[in-house]
Amino acid sequence: MAIFVAAVEGSFPFTVLNLLAVSGVVLVVDVALFYVSRSTFSREEILTKWK
């Protein structure tokens, strides 16, 4: 949303290179969050304490 607002205001132009850079950053953050959530989620502990 912040990128869209910045583009509408004219401070961030929508070029292919800029959008690829933003997509790369989002991809890296997404992969990092996936591994963090995967390492902190413990299915067995949830199943045994749910009773």
Protein backbone atom coordinates (compact mmCIF):
# COMPACT_ATOMS: atom_id res chain seq x y z
CA MET A 1 0.00 0.00 0.00
CA ALA A 2 2.85 2.36 0.81
CA ILE A 3 4.37 1.77 -2.63
CA PHE A 4 1.06 2.60 -4.30
CA VAL A 5 0.66 5.81 -2.30
CA ALA A 6 4.25 6.82 -3.09
CA ALA A 7 3.63 6.14 -6.79
CA VAL A 8 0.45 8.20 -6.81
CA GLU A 9 2.28 11.10 -5.15
CA GLY A 10 5.03 10.84 -7.75
CA SER A 11 7.92 9.99 -5.43
CA PHE A 12 8.16 6.38 -6.67
CA PRO A 13 7.85 5.80 -10.42
CA PHE A 14 6.39 2.53 -11.67
CA THR A 15 9.18 1.20 -13.85
CA VAL A 16 9.98 -2.42 -14.56
CA LEU A 17 13.27 -2.20 -12.69
CA ASN A 18 11.67 -0.65 -9.60
CA LEU A 19 8.88 -3.20 -9.53
CA LEU A 20 11.35 -6.08 -9.91
CA ALA A 21 13.42 -4.70 -7.04
CA VAL A 22 10.36 -4.41 -4.81
CA SER A 23 9.26 -7.92 -5.81
CA GLY A 24 12.70 -9.27 -4.92
CA VAL A 25 12.58 -7.65 -1.49
CA VAL A 26 9.09 -8.99 -0.87
CA LEU A 27 10.23 -12.46 -1.95
CA VAL A 28 13.18 -12.43 0.46
CA VAL A 29 10.99 -11.24 3.35
CA ASP A 30 8.35 -13.84 2.52
CA VAL A 31 10.86 -16.70 2.47
CA ALA A 32 12.42 -15.50 5.75
CA LEU A 33 9.01 -15.30 7.43
CA PHE A 34 8.14 -18.76 6.15
CA TYR A 35 11.24 -20.30 7.74
CA VAL A 36 10.76 -18.41 11.00
CA SER A 37 7.14 -19.52 11.29
CA ARG A 38 8.06 -23.07 10.34
CA SER A 39 10.74 -23.26 13.02
CA THR A 40 8.53 -21.80 15.77
CA PHE A 41 5.45 -23.92 15.03
CA SER A 42 5.39 -27.15 17.02
CA ARG A 43 2.50 -29.34 15.94
CA GLU A 44 3.20 -32.12 18.44
CA GLU A 45 3.13 -29.76 21.42
CA ILE A 46 -0.18 -28.29 20.27
CA LEU A 47 -1.71 -31.74 19.82
CA THR A 48 -0.62 -33.03 23.23
CA LYS A 49 -1.72 -29.92 25.16
CA TRP A 50 -5.07 -29.60 23.37
CA LYS A 51 -6.82 -32.34 25.37
